[in-house]
N, C-alpha and C. Protein backbone atom coordinates (compact mmCIF):
# COMPACT_ATOMS: atom_id res chain seq x y z
N MET A 1 23.78 -9.31 2.44
CA MET A 1 23.12 -8.25 1.72
C MET A 1 21.71 -8.08 2.30
N THR A 2 21.28 -6.82 2.46
CA THR A 2 19.95 -6.57 3.01
C THR A 2 19.00 -6.15 1.90
N ASP A 3 17.74 -6.46 2.08
CA ASP A 3 16.69 -6.09 1.13
C ASP A 3 16.30 -4.64 1.40
N GLU A 4 16.45 -3.77 0.42
CA GLU A 4 16.15 -2.36 0.62
C GLU A 4 14.68 -2.11 0.92
N ASN A 5 13.82 -3.04 0.59
CA ASN A 5 12.39 -2.88 0.84
C ASN A 5 11.93 -3.61 2.09
N SER A 6 12.83 -4.23 2.78
CA SER A 6 12.49 -4.97 4.00
C SER A 6 12.33 -4.01 5.15
N ASN A 7 11.45 -4.37 6.08
CA ASN A 7 11.30 -3.54 7.27
C ASN A 7 12.18 -4.05 8.40
N GLY A 8 13.03 -5.04 8.13
CA GLY A 8 13.96 -5.54 9.12
C GLY A 8 13.38 -6.59 10.04
N ASP A 9 12.11 -6.89 9.92
CA ASP A 9 11.44 -7.86 10.79
C ASP A 9 11.10 -9.10 9.96
N ASP A 10 11.92 -10.14 10.07
CA ASP A 10 11.74 -11.35 9.27
C ASP A 10 10.43 -12.07 9.57
N ASP A 11 9.82 -11.81 10.74
CA ASP A 11 8.59 -12.49 11.13
C ASP A 11 7.34 -11.76 10.62
N SER A 12 7.51 -10.60 10.01
CA SER A 12 6.38 -9.79 9.58
C SER A 12 5.84 -10.28 8.24
N ASP A 13 4.54 -10.14 8.05
CA ASP A 13 3.90 -10.46 6.78
C ASP A 13 3.80 -9.23 5.90
N GLN A 14 4.39 -8.13 6.34
CA GLN A 14 4.33 -6.88 5.59
C GLN A 14 5.72 -6.49 5.12
N THR A 15 5.75 -5.68 4.07
CA THR A 15 7.00 -5.13 3.57
C THR A 15 6.78 -3.67 3.22
N ARG A 16 7.86 -2.92 3.15
CA ARG A 16 7.79 -1.51 2.80
C ARG A 16 8.42 -1.34 1.43
N THR A 17 7.87 -0.42 0.65
CA THR A 17 8.42 -0.16 -0.67
C THR A 17 8.13 1.28 -1.08
N THR A 18 8.77 1.71 -2.12
CA THR A 18 8.54 3.03 -2.69
C THR A 18 8.10 2.83 -4.14
N ILE A 19 7.05 3.53 -4.54
CA ILE A 19 6.56 3.42 -5.91
C ILE A 19 6.32 4.81 -6.49
N GLU A 20 6.34 4.88 -7.80
CA GLU A 20 5.96 6.11 -8.49
C GLU A 20 4.56 5.90 -9.05
N VAL A 21 3.69 6.88 -8.82
CA VAL A 21 2.29 6.77 -9.23
C VAL A 21 1.90 8.04 -9.98
N ASP A 22 1.11 7.88 -11.01
CA ASP A 22 0.56 9.01 -11.74
C ASP A 22 -0.15 9.95 -10.76
N ARG A 23 0.07 11.24 -10.92
CA ARG A 23 -0.48 12.23 -9.98
C ARG A 23 -2.00 12.14 -9.86
N ASP A 24 -2.70 11.95 -10.98
CA ASP A 24 -4.17 11.86 -10.94
C ASP A 24 -4.62 10.60 -10.20
N VAL A 25 -3.91 9.50 -10.41
CA VAL A 25 -4.24 8.26 -9.69
C VAL A 25 -4.02 8.46 -8.20
N TRP A 26 -2.89 9.11 -7.85
CA TRP A 26 -2.58 9.36 -6.44
C TRP A 26 -3.69 10.19 -5.79
N ARG A 27 -4.16 11.19 -6.48
CA ARG A 27 -5.22 12.04 -5.94
C ARG A 27 -6.50 11.24 -5.70
N GLN A 28 -6.81 10.34 -6.63
CA GLN A 28 -8.00 9.50 -6.45
C GLN A 28 -7.86 8.59 -5.23
N VAL A 29 -6.71 7.95 -5.11
CA VAL A 29 -6.48 7.04 -3.97
C VAL A 29 -6.53 7.83 -2.67
N ARG A 30 -5.87 8.98 -2.66
CA ARG A 30 -5.86 9.80 -1.45
C ARG A 30 -7.27 10.26 -1.07
N ALA A 31 -8.06 10.68 -2.06
CA ALA A 31 -9.42 11.12 -1.80
C ALA A 31 -10.28 9.98 -1.25
N GLU A 32 -10.13 8.79 -1.83
CA GLU A 32 -10.89 7.63 -1.34
C GLU A 32 -10.46 7.27 0.08
N ALA A 33 -9.16 7.34 0.34
CA ALA A 33 -8.66 7.02 1.67
C ALA A 33 -9.24 7.98 2.71
N VAL A 34 -9.19 9.27 2.40
CA VAL A 34 -9.74 10.27 3.31
C VAL A 34 -11.24 10.04 3.51
N GLY A 35 -11.95 9.79 2.42
CA GLY A 35 -13.38 9.53 2.49
C GLY A 35 -13.73 8.31 3.34
N ASP A 36 -12.84 7.32 3.32
CA ASP A 36 -13.05 6.11 4.12
C ASP A 36 -12.48 6.21 5.53
N GLY A 37 -11.81 7.33 5.82
CA GLY A 37 -11.19 7.50 7.13
C GLY A 37 -9.98 6.58 7.33
N LYS A 38 -9.26 6.30 6.23
CA LYS A 38 -8.12 5.40 6.28
C LYS A 38 -6.84 6.13 5.91
N LYS A 39 -5.72 5.54 6.28
CA LYS A 39 -4.42 6.02 5.80
C LYS A 39 -4.30 5.64 4.34
N ILE A 40 -3.52 6.40 3.59
CA ILE A 40 -3.34 6.10 2.17
C ILE A 40 -2.75 4.71 1.99
N SER A 41 -1.80 4.33 2.83
CA SER A 41 -1.19 3.00 2.70
C SER A 41 -2.22 1.90 2.92
N GLU A 42 -3.16 2.12 3.83
CA GLU A 42 -4.22 1.13 4.07
C GLU A 42 -5.12 1.01 2.85
N LYS A 43 -5.43 2.15 2.24
CA LYS A 43 -6.28 2.15 1.05
C LYS A 43 -5.58 1.47 -0.12
N LEU A 44 -4.29 1.75 -0.30
CA LEU A 44 -3.53 1.09 -1.36
C LEU A 44 -3.50 -0.41 -1.15
N GLU A 45 -3.32 -0.84 0.09
CA GLU A 45 -3.31 -2.28 0.37
C GLU A 45 -4.67 -2.88 0.03
N GLU A 46 -5.74 -2.20 0.39
CA GLU A 46 -7.08 -2.68 0.08
C GLU A 46 -7.28 -2.82 -1.44
N ILE A 47 -6.84 -1.83 -2.19
CA ILE A 47 -6.96 -1.86 -3.65
C ILE A 47 -6.16 -3.02 -4.23
N LEU A 48 -4.94 -3.21 -3.75
CA LEU A 48 -4.10 -4.30 -4.25
C LEU A 48 -4.70 -5.66 -3.92
N ILE A 49 -5.24 -5.80 -2.73
CA ILE A 49 -5.87 -7.07 -2.33
C ILE A 49 -7.06 -7.35 -3.25
N GLU A 50 -7.88 -6.33 -3.50
CA GLU A 50 -9.01 -6.51 -4.41
C GLU A 50 -8.54 -6.89 -5.81
N HIS A 51 -7.50 -6.22 -6.28
CA HIS A 51 -6.99 -6.47 -7.62
C HIS A 51 -6.47 -7.90 -7.77
N PHE A 52 -5.74 -8.36 -6.78
CA PHE A 52 -5.15 -9.69 -6.85
C PHE A 52 -6.02 -10.76 -6.19
N ASP A 53 -7.20 -10.35 -5.68
CA ASP A 53 -8.16 -11.25 -5.07
C ASP A 53 -7.51 -12.12 -3.98
N GLU A 54 -6.79 -11.45 -3.08
CA GLU A 54 -6.10 -12.13 -1.97
C GLU A 54 -6.79 -11.77 -0.66
N ASP A 55 -6.62 -12.61 0.32
CA ASP A 55 -7.09 -12.32 1.67
C ASP A 55 -5.95 -11.74 2.47
N ALA A 56 -6.27 -10.74 3.28
CA ALA A 56 -5.25 -10.09 4.11
C ALA A 56 -4.93 -10.93 5.32
């Protein structure tokens, strides 16, 4: 059985997933990402790392 969220690379420290986000929250994240010159996925990762106080 395969993991639907796996990127197929067992050696990777990253995974792919799909989430549903409130439209207003999405707009905020997107605006911050653009303002920082980052991809939205990079900004989301940054926010999650800050929230969980983890090192990348």
